Amino acid sequence: MSKIAKPGIVLEPHQVILRPLVTEKGTHHAERYNAYQFEVAMIATKDDIRKAVSELWGVRVAAVRTQLYKGKPRRFKTKMGHTRDWKKAIVKLHDEDRISFF
């Protein structure tokens, strides 16, 4: 099932970027390559992500890469379930720009 944004749906910047992903690998990429990772809305496009990061943090975005993650099967006692599907964005910034989360 494709989750493409329908014409007329406009997401606000705070609806596009759900949360930053602060991991060991993500911190390494932020320090070395100036690339930051975010969990984003499933219907957000690369242009939506670029605009949202620019507006929320006031930085210049050089590139956006996205990845879709499928939910994994999980067991709770005797019942089987799934974690939710989610979308990750890796945003590379201009060399002079930085984002500080802490």
PDB file of N, CA and C in Angstrom:
ATOM      1  N   MET A   1       0.848  -1.171   0.000  1.00  0.00           N
ATOM      2  CA  MET A   1       0.000   0.000   0.000  1.00  0.00           C
ATOM      3  C   MET A   1       0.892   1.230   0.000  1.00  0.00           C
ATOM      4  N   SER A   2       0.710   2.086  -0.933  1.00  0.00           N
ATOM      5  CA  SER A   2       1.519   3.295  -1.062  1.00  0.00           C
ATOM      6  C   SER A   2       0.936   4.411  -0.201  1.00  0.00           C
ATOM      7  N   LYS A   3       1.793   5.116   0.504  1.00  0.00           N
ATOM      8  CA  LYS A   3       1.351   6.222   1.358  1.00  0.00           C
ATOM      9  C   LYS A   3       1.847   7.528   0.764  1.00  0.00           C
ATOM     10  N   ILE A   4       1.356   7.878  -0.407  1.00  0.00           N
ATOM     11  CA  ILE A   4       1.715   9.107  -1.092  1.00  0.00           C
ATOM     12  C   ILE A   4       0.767  10.212  -0.632  1.00  0.00           C
ATOM     13  N   ALA A   5       1.296  11.404  -0.450  1.00  0.00           N
ATOM     14  CA  ALA A   5       0.459  12.533  -0.032  1.00  0.00           C
ATOM     15  C   ALA A   5      -0.572  12.839  -1.113  1.00  0.00           C
ATOM     16  N   LYS A   6      -1.792  13.047  -0.685  1.00  0.00           N
ATOM     17  CA  LYS A   6      -2.854  13.377  -1.624  1.00  0.00           C
ATOM     18  C   LYS A   6      -2.756  14.849  -1.982  1.00  0.00           C
ATOM     19  N   PRO A   7      -3.164  15.211  -3.190  1.00  0.00           N
ATOM     20  CA  PRO A   7      -3.137  16.623  -3.561  1.00  0.00           C
ATOM     21  C   PRO A   7      -3.971  17.441  -2.581  1.00  0.00           C
ATOM     22  N   GLY A   8      -3.439  18.579  -2.189  1.00  0.00           N
ATOM     23  CA  GLY A   8      -4.153  19.448  -1.270  1.00  0.00           C
ATOM     24  C   GLY A   8      -3.748  19.280   0.180  1.00  0.00           C
ATOM     25  N   ILE A   9      -3.054  18.185   0.525  1.00  0.00           N
ATOM     26  CA  ILE A   9      -2.597  18.002   1.901  1.00  0.00           C
ATOM     27  C   ILE A   9      -1.286  18.751   2.075  1.00  0.00           C
ATOM     28  N   VAL A  10      -1.286  19.707   2.992  1.00  0.00           N
ATOM     29  CA  VAL A  10      -0.082  20.487   3.268  1.00  0.00           C
ATOM     30  C   VAL A  10       0.297  20.256   4.717  1.00  0.00           C
ATOM     31  N   LEU A  11       1.498  19.751   4.934  1.00  0.00           N
ATOM     32  CA  LEU A  11       1.974  19.490   6.287  1.00  0.00           C
ATOM     33  C   LEU A  11       2.744  20.701   6.818  1.00  0.00           C
ATOM     34  N   GLU A  12       2.527  21.025   8.074  1.00  0.00           N
ATOM     35  CA  GLU A  12       3.294  22.073   8.743  1.00  0.00           C
ATOM     36  C   GLU A  12       4.673  21.510   9.095  1.00  0.00           C
ATOM     37  N   PRO A  13       5.689  22.376   9.258  1.00  0.00           N
ATOM     38  CA  PRO A  13       7.037  21.872   9.573  1.00  0.00           C
ATOM     39  C   PRO A  13       7.085  20.976  10.807  1.00  0.00           C
ATOM     40  N   HIS A  14       6.307  21.302  11.846  1.00  0.00           N
ATOM     41  CA  HIS A  14       6.328  20.465  13.046  1.00  0.00           C
ATOM     42  C   HIS A  14       5.581  19.142  12.840  1.00  0.00           C
ATOM     43  N   GLN A  15       4.815  19.014  11.759  1.00  0.00           N
ATOM     44  CA  GLN A  15       4.163  17.750  11.438  1.00  0.00           C
ATOM     45  C   GLN A  15       5.053  16.878  10.567  1.00  0.00           C
ATOM     46  N   VAL A  16       5.989  17.490   9.854  1.00  0.00           N
ATOM     47  CA  VAL A  16       6.896  16.743   8.977  1.00  0.00           C
ATOM     48  C   VAL A  16       7.992  16.080   9.806  1.00  0.00           C
ATOM     49  N   ILE A  17       8.677  16.853  10.643  1.00  0.00           N
ATOM     50  CA  ILE A  17       9.763  16.338  11.477  1.00  0.00           C
ATOM     51  C   ILE A  17       9.160  15.874  12.794  1.00  0.00           C
ATOM     52  N   LEU A  18       9.167  14.568  13.036  1.00  0.00           N
ATOM     53  CA  LEU A  18       8.574  14.036  14.255  1.00  0.00           C
ATOM     54  C   LEU A  18       9.557  14.080  15.427  1.00  0.00           C
ATOM     55  N   ARG A  19      10.811  13.692  15.177  1.00  0.00           N
ATOM     56  CA  ARG A  19      11.821  13.745  16.237  1.00  0.00           C
ATOM     57  C   ARG A  19      13.197  13.534  15.631  1.00  0.00           C
ATOM     58  N   PRO A  20      14.237  14.079  16.264  1.00  0.00           N
ATOM     59  CA  PRO A  20      15.593  13.766  15.813  1.00  0.00           C
ATOM     60  C   PRO A  20      15.985  12.380  16.314  1.00  0.00           C
ATOM     61  N   LEU A  21      16.794  11.681  15.540  1.00  0.00           N
ATOM     62  CA  LEU A  21      17.289  10.373  15.953  1.00  0.00           C
ATOM     63  C   LEU A  21      18.697  10.562  16.509  1.00  0.00           C
ATOM     64  N   VAL A  22      18.817  10.486  17.816  1.00  0.00           N
ATOM     65  CA  VAL A  22      20.107  10.679  18.472  1.00  0.00           C
ATOM     66  C   VAL A  22      20.661   9.307  18.813  1.00  0.00           C
ATOM     67  N   THR A  23      21.541   8.811  17.948  1.00  0.00           N
ATOM     68  CA  THR A  23      22.190   7.521  18.147  1.00  0.00           C
ATOM     69  C   THR A  23      23.698   7.723  18.029  1.00  0.00           C
ATOM     70  N   GLU A  24      24.445   6.706  18.349  1.00  0.00           N
ATOM     71  CA  GLU A  24      25.898   6.803  18.244  1.00  0.00           C
ATOM     72  C   GLU A  24      26.327   7.035  16.794  1.00  0.00           C
ATOM     73  N   LYS A  25      25.730   6.302  15.886  1.00  0.00           N
ATOM     74  CA  LYS A  25      26.052   6.472  14.466  1.00  0.00           C
ATOM     75  C   LYS A  25      25.605   7.842  13.961  1.00  0.00           C
ATOM     76  N   GLY A  26      24.417   8.274  14.377  1.00  0.00           N
ATOM     77  CA  GLY A  26      23.909   9.576  13.960  1.00  0.00           C
ATOM     78  C   GLY A  26      24.775  10.717  14.466  1.00  0.00           C
ATOM     79  N   THR A  27      25.257  10.614  15.687  1.00  0.00           N
ATOM     80  CA  THR A  27      26.141  11.636  16.250  1.00  0.00           C
ATOM     81  C   THR A  27      27.455  11.682  15.483  1.00  0.00           C
ATOM     82  N   HIS A  28      27.977  10.522  15.120  1.00  0.00           N
ATOM     83  CA  HIS A  28      29.208  10.458  14.325  1.00  0.00           C
ATOM     84  C   HIS A  28      29.013  11.141  12.975  1.00  0.00           C
ATOM     85  N   HIS A  29      27.889  10.874  12.310  1.00  0.00           N
ATOM     86  CA  HIS A  29      27.615  11.499  11.008  1.00  0.00           C
ATOM     87  C   HIS A  29      27.428  13.009  11.143  1.00  0.00           C
ATOM     88  N   ALA A  30      26.831  13.449  12.252  1.00  0.00           N
ATOM     89  CA  ALA A  30      26.628  14.880  12.463  1.00  0.00           C
ATOM     90  C   ALA A  30      27.973  15.590  12.639  1.00  0.00           C
ATOM     91  N   GLU A  31      28.877  14.980  13.384  1.00  0.00           N
ATOM     92  CA  GLU A  31      30.184  15.595  13.631  1.00  0.00           C
ATOM     93  C   GLU A  31      31.082  15.541  12.405  1.00  0.00           C
ATOM     94  N   ARG A  32      31.082  14.421  11.722  1.00  0.00           N
ATOM     95  CA  ARG A  32      32.024  14.226  10.622  1.00  0.00           C
ATOM     96  C   ARG A  32      31.515  14.740   9.278  1.00  0.00           C
ATOM     97  N   TYR A  33      30.250  14.447   8.963  1.00  0.00           N
ATOM     98  CA  TYR A  33      29.712  14.754   7.631  1.00  0.00           C
ATOM     99  C   TYR A  33      28.672  15.871   7.635  1.00  0.00           C
ATOM    100  N   ASN A  34      28.356  16.411   8.809  1.00  0.00           N
ATOM    101  CA  ASN A  34      27.342  17.458   8.935  1.00  0.00           C
ATOM    102  C   ASN A  34      25.988  16.969   8.393  1.00  0.00           C
ATOM    103  N   ALA A  35      25.665  15.702   8.699  1.00  0.00           N
ATOM    104  CA  ALA A  35      24.412  15.084   8.265  1.00  0.00           C
ATOM    105  C   ALA A  35      23.625  14.656   9.498  1.00  0.00           C
ATOM    106  N   TYR A  36      22.367  15.066   9.581  1.00  0.00           N
ATOM    107  CA  TYR A  36      21.538  14.812  10.751  1.00  0.00           C
ATOM    108  C   TYR A  36      20.397  13.884  10.379  1.00  0.00           C
ATOM    109  N   GLN A  37      19.984  13.038  11.347  1.00  0.00           N
ATOM    110  CA  GLN A  37      18.931  12.057  11.098  1.00  0.00           C
ATOM    111  C   GLN A  37      17.671  12.431  11.857  1.00  0.00           C
ATOM    112  N   PHE A  38      16.523  12.252  11.189  1.00  0.00           N
ATOM    113  CA  PHE A  38      15.233  12.567  11.782  1.00  0.00           C
ATOM    114  C   PHE A  38      14.239  11.468  11.451  1.00  0.00           C
ATOM    115  N   GLU A  39      13.281  11.248  12.353  1.00  0.00           N
ATOM    116  CA  GLU A  39      12.114  10.453  12.012  1.00  0.00           C
ATOM    117  C   GLU A  39      11.100  11.435  11.447  1.00  0.00           C
ATOM    118  N   VAL A  40      10.554  11.123  10.277  1.00  0.00           N
ATOM    119  CA  VAL A  40       9.651  12.044   9.591  1.00  0.00           C
ATOM    120  C   VAL A  40       8.320  11.356   9.306  1.00  0.00           C
ATOM    121  N   ALA A  41       7.326  12.143   8.953  1.00  0.00           N
ATOM    122  CA  ALA A  41       6.004  11.614   8.609  1.00  0.00           C
ATOM    123  C   ALA A  41       6.110  10.751   7.350  1.00  0.00           C
ATOM    124  N   MET A  42       5.318   9.699   7.313  1.00  0.00           N
ATOM    125  CA  MET A  42       5.363   8.772   6.178  1.00  0.00           C
ATOM    126  C   MET A  42       4.979   9.445   4.863  1.00  0.00           C
ATOM    127  N   ILE A  43       4.105  10.442   4.896  1.00  0.00           N
ATOM    128  CA  ILE A  43       3.656  11.077   3.660  1.00  0.00           C
ATOM    129  C   ILE A  43       4.516  12.271   3.270  1.00  0.00           C
ATOM    130  N   ALA A  44       5.552  12.576   4.059  1.00  0.00           N
ATOM    131  CA  ALA A  44       6.410  13.724   3.762  1.00  0.00           C
ATOM    132  C   ALA A  44       7.329  13.415   2.584  1.00  0.00           C
ATOM    133  N   THR A  45       7.477  14.380   1.680  1.00  0.00           N
ATOM    134  CA  THR A  45       8.381  14.237   0.543  1.00  0.00           C
ATOM    135  C   THR A  45       9.726  14.872   0.888  1.00  0.00           C
ATOM    136  N   LYS A  46      10.709  14.676   0.029  1.00  0.00           N
ATOM    137  CA  LYS A  46      12.025  15.273   0.261  1.00  0.00           C
ATOM    138  C   LYS A  46      11.942  16.800   0.286  1.00  0.00           C
ATOM    139  N   ASP A  47      11.114  17.377  -0.573  1.00  0.00           N
ATOM    140  CA  ASP A  47      10.938  18.835  -0.566  1.00  0.00           C
ATOM    141  C   ASP A  47      10.308  19.310   0.744  1.00  0.00           C
ATOM    142  N   ASP A  48       9.323  18.561   1.256  1.00  0.00           N
ATOM    143  CA  ASP A  48       8.706  18.900   2.538  1.00  0.00           C
ATOM    144  C   ASP A  48       9.740  18.876   3.660  1.00  0.00           C
ATOM    145  N   ILE A  49      10.589  17.861   3.652  1.00  0.00           N
ATOM    146  CA  ILE A  49      11.616  17.713   4.691  1.00  0.00           C
ATOM    147  C   ILE A  49      12.626  18.850   4.600  1.00  0.00           C
ATOM    148  N   ARG A  50      13.053  19.179   3.384  1.00  0.00           N
ATOM    149  CA  ARG A  50      14.006  20.272   3.180  1.00  0.00           C
ATOM    150  C   ARG A  50      13.454  21.596   3.723  1.00  0.00           C
ATOM    151  N   LYS A  51      12.201  21.896   3.395  1.00  0.00           N
ATOM    152  CA  LYS A  51      11.584  23.145   3.854  1.00  0.00           C
ATOM    153  C   LYS A  51      11.398  23.159   5.367  1.00  0.00           C
ATOM    154  N   ALA A  52      10.994  22.030   5.935  1.00  0.00           N
ATOM    155  CA  ALA A  52      10.748  21.956   7.377  1.00  0.00           C
ATOM    156  C   ALA A  52      12.028  22.166   8.179  1.00  0.00           C
ATOM    157  N   VAL A  53      13.123  21.532   7.764  1.00  0.00           N
ATOM    158  CA  VAL A  53      14.391  21.696   8.483  1.00  0.00           C
ATOM    159  C   VAL A  53      14.886  23.129   8.350  1.00  0.00           C
ATOM    160  N   SER A  54      14.750  23.715   7.171  1.00  0.00           N
ATOM    161  CA  SER A  54      15.165  25.102   6.966  1.00  0.00           C
ATOM    162  C   SER A  54      14.372  26.060   7.854  1.00  0.00           C
ATOM    163  N   GLU A  55      13.062  25.840   7.959  1.00  0.00           N
ATOM    164  CA  GLU A  55      12.225  26.733   8.755  1.00  0.00           C
ATOM    165  C   GLU A  55      12.425  26.543  10.251  1.00  0.00           C
ATOM    166  N   LEU A  56      12.516  25.287  10.704  1.00  0.00           N
ATOM    167  CA  LEU A  56      12.605  25.023  12.138  1.00  0.00           C
ATOM    168  C   LEU A  56      13.950  25.436  12.735  1.00  0.00           C
ATOM    169  N   TRP A  57      15.050  25.212  12.011  1.00  0.00           N
ATOM    170  CA  TRP A  57      16.376  25.498  12.565  1.00  0.00           C
ATOM    171  C   TRP A  57      17.100  26.643  11.867  1.00  0.00           C
ATOM    172  N   GLY A  58      16.558  27.187  10.797  1.00  0.00           N
ATOM    173  CA  GLY A  58      17.181  28.305  10.104  1.00  0.00           C
ATOM    174  C   GLY A  58      18.522  27.950   9.489  1.00  0.00           C
ATOM    175  N   VAL A  59      18.608  26.799   8.843  1.00  0.00           N
ATOM    176  CA  VAL A  59      19.838  26.334   8.208  1.00  0.00           C
ATOM    177  C   VAL A  59      19.604  26.108   6.718  1.00  0.00           C
ATOM    178  N   ARG A  60      20.691  25.958   5.973  1.00  0.00           N
ATOM    179  CA  ARG A  60      20.604  25.657   4.541  1.00  0.00           C
ATOM    180  C   ARG A  60      20.827  24.167   4.331  1.00  0.00           C
ATOM    181  N   VAL A  61      19.908  23.523   3.632  1.00  0.00           N
ATOM    182  CA  VAL A  61      19.957  22.076   3.408  1.00  0.00           C
ATOM    183  C   VAL A  61      20.617  21.802   2.065  1.00  0.00           C
ATOM    184  N   ALA A  62      21.650  20.954   2.070  1.00  0.00           N
ATOM    185  CA  ALA A  62      22.350  20.602   0.841  1.00  0.00           C
ATOM    186  C   ALA A  62      21.721  19.378   0.162  1.00  0.00           C
ATOM    187  N   ALA A  63      21.327  18.375   0.945  1.00  0.00           N
ATOM    188  CA  ALA A  63      20.774  17.148   0.367  1.00  0.00           C
ATOM    189  C   ALA A  63      19.870  16.456   1.376  1.00  0.00           C
ATOM    190  N   VAL A  64      18.903  15.682   0.865  1.00  0.00           N
ATOM    191  CA  VAL A  64      18.005  14.899   1.708  1.00  0.00           C
ATOM    192  C   VAL A  64      17.945  13.490   1.151  1.00  0.00           C
ATOM    193  N   ARG A  65      18.149  12.509   2.030  1.00  0.00           N
ATOM    194  CA  ARG A  65      17.980  11.102   1.664  1.00  0.00           C
ATOM    195  C   ARG A  65      16.959  10.500   2.607  1.00  0.00           C
ATOM    196  N   THR A  66      16.110   9.618   2.092  1.00  0.00           N
ATOM    197  CA  THR A  66      15.070   9.010   2.922  1.00  0.00           C
ATOM    198  C   THR A  66      15.163   7.498   2.864  1.00  0.00           C
ATOM    199  N   GLN A  67      14.686   6.869   3.938  1.00  0.00           N
ATOM    200  CA  GLN A  67      14.641   5.412   4.024  1.00  0.00           C
ATOM    201  C   GLN A  67      13.330   5.007   4.679  1.00  0.00           C
ATOM    202  N   LEU A  68      12.694   3.962   4.151  1.00  0.00           N
ATOM    203  CA  LEU A  68      11.473   3.424   4.743  1.00  0.00           C
ATOM    204  C   LEU A  68      11.821   2.179   5.548  1.00  0.00           C
ATOM    205  N   TYR A  69      11.283   2.094   6.755  1.00  0.00           N
ATOM    206  CA  TYR A  69      11.510   0.937   7.612  1.00  0.00           C
ATOM    207  C   TYR A  69      10.194   0.224   7.837  1.00  0.00           C
ATOM    208  N   LYS A  70      10.195  -1.088   7.636  1.00  0.00           N
ATOM    209  CA  LYS A  70       9.017  -1.913   7.877  1.00  0.00           C
ATOM    210  C   LYS A  70       8.978  -2.317   9.345  1.00  0.00           C
ATOM    211  N   GLY A  71       7.773  -2.411   9.897  1.00  0.00           N
ATOM    212  CA  GLY A  71       7.617  -2.839  11.285  1.00  0.00           C
ATOM    213  C   GLY A  71       8.042  -4.288  11.450  1.00  0.00           C
ATOM    214  N   LYS A  72       8.596  -4.588  12.603  1.00  0.00           N
ATOM    215  CA  LYS A  72       9.068  -5.940  12.879  1.00  0.00           C
ATOM    216  C   LYS A  72       8.028  -6.700  13.704  1.00  0.00           C
ATOM    217  N   PRO A  73       7.963  -8.020  13.513  1.00  0.00           N
ATOM    218  CA  PRO A  73       7.037  -8.798  14.341  1.00  0.00           C
ATOM    219  C   PRO A  73       7.537  -8.856  15.786  1.00  0.00           C
ATOM    220  N   ARG A  74       6.627  -8.672  16.724  1.00  0.00           N
ATOM    221  CA  ARG A  74       6.951  -8.722  18.140  1.00  0.00           C
ATOM    222  C   ARG A  74       5.897  -9.560  18.856  1.00  0.00           C
ATOM    223  N   ARG A  75       6.324 -10.265  19.899  1.00  0.00           N
ATOM    224  CA  ARG A  75       5.409 -11.093  20.660  1.00  0.00           C
ATOM    225  C   ARG A  75       5.165 -10.464  22.026  1.00  0.00           C
ATOM    226  N   PHE A  76       3.921 -10.400  22.417  1.00  0.00           N
ATOM    227  CA  PHE A  76       3.560  -9.966  23.761  1.00  0.00           C
ATOM    228  C   PHE A  76       2.791 -11.102  24.412  1.00  0.00           C
ATOM    229  N   LYS A  77       3.431 -11.787  25.343  1.00  0.00           N
ATOM    230  CA  LYS A  77       2.906 -12.995  25.976  1.00  0.00           C
ATOM    231  C   LYS A  77       2.564 -14.017  24.892  1.00  0.00           C
ATOM    232  N   THR A  78       1.271 -14.274  24.675  1.00  0.00           N
ATOM    233  CA  THR A  78       0.912 -15.297  23.687  1.00  0.00           C
ATOM    234  C   THR A  78       0.438 -14.711  22.371  1.00  0.00           C
ATOM    235  N   LYS A  79       0.399 -13.399  22.260  1.00  0.00           N
ATOM    236  CA  LYS A  79      -0.119 -12.762  21.049  1.00  0.00           C
ATOM    237  C   LYS A  79       1.020 -12.181  20.213  1.00  0.00           C
ATOM    238  N   MET A  80       0.833 -12.256  18.901  1.00  0.00           N
ATOM    239  CA  MET A  80       1.810 -11.674  17.983  1.00  0.00           C
ATOM    240  C   MET A  80       1.310 -10.309  17.521  1.00  0.00           C
ATOM    241  N   GLY A  81       2.245  -9.381  17.356  1.00  0.00           N
ATOM    242  CA  GLY A  81       1.905  -8.057  16.869  1.00  0.00           C
ATOM    243  C   GLY A  81       3.036  -7.547  15.989  1.00  0.00           C
ATOM    244  N   HIS A  82       2.962  -6.304  15.625  1.00  0.00           N
ATOM    245  CA  HIS A  82       3.980  -5.672  14.793  1.00  0.00           C
ATOM    246  C   HIS A  82       4.293  -4.292  15.342  1.00  0.00           C
ATOM    247  N   THR A  83       5.546  -3.880  15.220  1.00  0.00           N
ATOM    248  CA  THR A  83       5.856  -2.482  15.472  1.00  0.00           C
ATOM    249  C   THR A  83       5.424  -1.715  14.225  1.00  0.00           C
ATOM    250  N   ARG A  84       5.316  -0.423  14.335  1.00  0.00           N
ATOM    251  CA  ARG A  84       4.794   0.360  13.216  1.00  0.00           C
ATOM    252  C   ARG A  84       5.873   0.606  12.157  1.00  0.00           C
ATOM    253  N   ASP A  85       5.434   0.858  10.932  1.00  0.00           N
ATOM    254  CA  ASP A  85       6.343   1.273   9.866  1.00  0.00           C
ATOM    255  C   ASP A  85       6.725   2.732  10.119  1.00  0.00           C
ATOM    256  N   TRP A  86       7.944   3.125   9.718  1.00  0.00           N
ATOM    257  CA  TRP A  86       8.351   4.507   9.908  1.00  0.00           C
ATOM    258  C   TRP A  86       9.342   4.920   8.834  1.00  0.00           C
ATOM    259  N   LYS A  87       9.558   6.224   8.737  1.00  0.00           N
ATOM    260  CA  LYS A  87      10.405   6.791   7.690  1.00  0.00           C
ATOM    261  C   LYS A  87      11.512   7.609   8.336  1.00  0.00           C
ATOM    262  N   LYS A  88      12.726   7.425   7.829  1.00  0.00           N
ATOM    263  CA  LYS A  88      13.893   8.138   8.347  1.00  0.00           C
ATOM    264  C   LYS A  88      14.438   9.038   7.251  1.00  0.00           C
ATOM    265  N   ALA A  89      14.865  10.243   7.651  1.00  0.00           N
ATOM    266  CA  ALA A  89      15.467  11.177   6.706  1.00  0.00           C
ATOM    267  C   ALA A  89      16.863  11.529   7.200  1.00  0.00           C
ATOM    268  N   ILE A  90      17.827  11.520   6.286  1.00  0.00           N
ATOM    269  CA  ILE A  90      19.186  11.966   6.572  1.00  0.00           C
ATOM    270  C   ILE A  90      19.371  13.271   5.815  1.00  0.00           C
ATOM    271  N   VAL A  91      19.582  14.344   6.570  1.00  0.00           N
ATOM    272  CA  VAL A  91      19.641  15.687   6.006  1.00  0.00           C
ATOM    273  C   VAL A  91      21.068  16.203   6.102  1.00  0.00           C
ATOM    274  N   LYS A  92      21.678  16.464   4.956  1.00  0.00           N
ATOM    275  CA  LYS A  92      23.035  17.018   4.914  1.00  0.00           C
ATOM    276  C   LYS A  92      22.921  18.523   4.793  1.00  0.00           C
ATOM    277  N   LEU A  93      23.636  19.233   5.674  1.00  0.00           N
ATOM    278  CA  LEU A  93      23.564  20.690   5.705  1.00  0.00           C
ATOM    279  C   LEU A  93      24.744  21.323   4.988  1.00  0.00           C
ATOM    280  N   HIS A  94      24.606  22.604   4.700  1.00  0.00           N
ATOM    281  CA  HIS A  94      25.690  23.404   4.141  1.00  0.00           C
ATOM    282  C   HIS A  94      26.858  23.379   5.128  1.00  0.00           C
ATOM    283  N   ASP A  95      28.088  23.476   4.634  1.00  0.00           N
ATOM    284  CA  ASP A  95      29.274  23.339   5.480  1.00  0.00           C
ATOM    285  C   ASP A  95      29.323  24.330   6.644  1.00  0.00           C
ATOM    286  N   GLU A  96      28.732  25.504   6.480  1.00  0.00           N
ATOM    287  CA  GLU A  96      28.795  26.524   7.532  1.00  0.00           C
ATOM    288  C   GLU A  96      27.696  26.392   8.565  1.00  0.00           C
ATOM    289  N   ASP A  97      26.681  25.561   8.345  1.00  0.00           N
ATOM    290  CA  ASP A  97      25.524  25.448   9.233  1.00  0.00           C
ATOM    291  C   ASP A  97      25.664  24.248  10.159  1.00  0.00           C
ATOM    292  N   ARG A  98      25.105  24.374  11.379  1.00  0.00           N
ATOM    293  CA  ARG A  98      25.087  23.313  12.360  1.00  0.00           C
ATOM    294  C   ARG A  98      23.741  23.334  13.082  1.00  0.00           C
ATOM    295  N   ILE A  99      23.336  22.181  13.616  1.00  0.00           N
ATOM    296  CA  ILE A  99      22.144  22.075  14.452  1.00  0.00           C
ATOM    297  C   ILE A  99      22.601  21.571  15.811  1.00  0.00           C
ATOM    298  N   SER A 100      22.163  22.234  16.867  1.00  0.00           N
ATOM    299  CA  SER A 100      22.502  21.808  18.226  1.00  0.00           C
ATOM    300  C   SER A 100      21.219  21.347  18.911  1.00  0.00           C
ATOM    301  N   PHE A 101      21.146  20.057  19.246  1.00  0.00           N
ATOM    302  CA  PHE A 101      19.965  19.506  19.909  1.00  0.00           C
ATOM    303  C   PHE A 101      20.020  19.663  21.411  1.00  0.00           C
ATOM    304  N   PHE A 102      21.217  19.798  21.974  1.00  0.00           N
ATOM    305  CA  PHE A 102      21.364  19.879  23.434  1.00  0.00           C
ATOM    306  C   PHE A 102      22.042  21.170  23.823  1.00  0.00           C
TER     307      PHE A 102
END
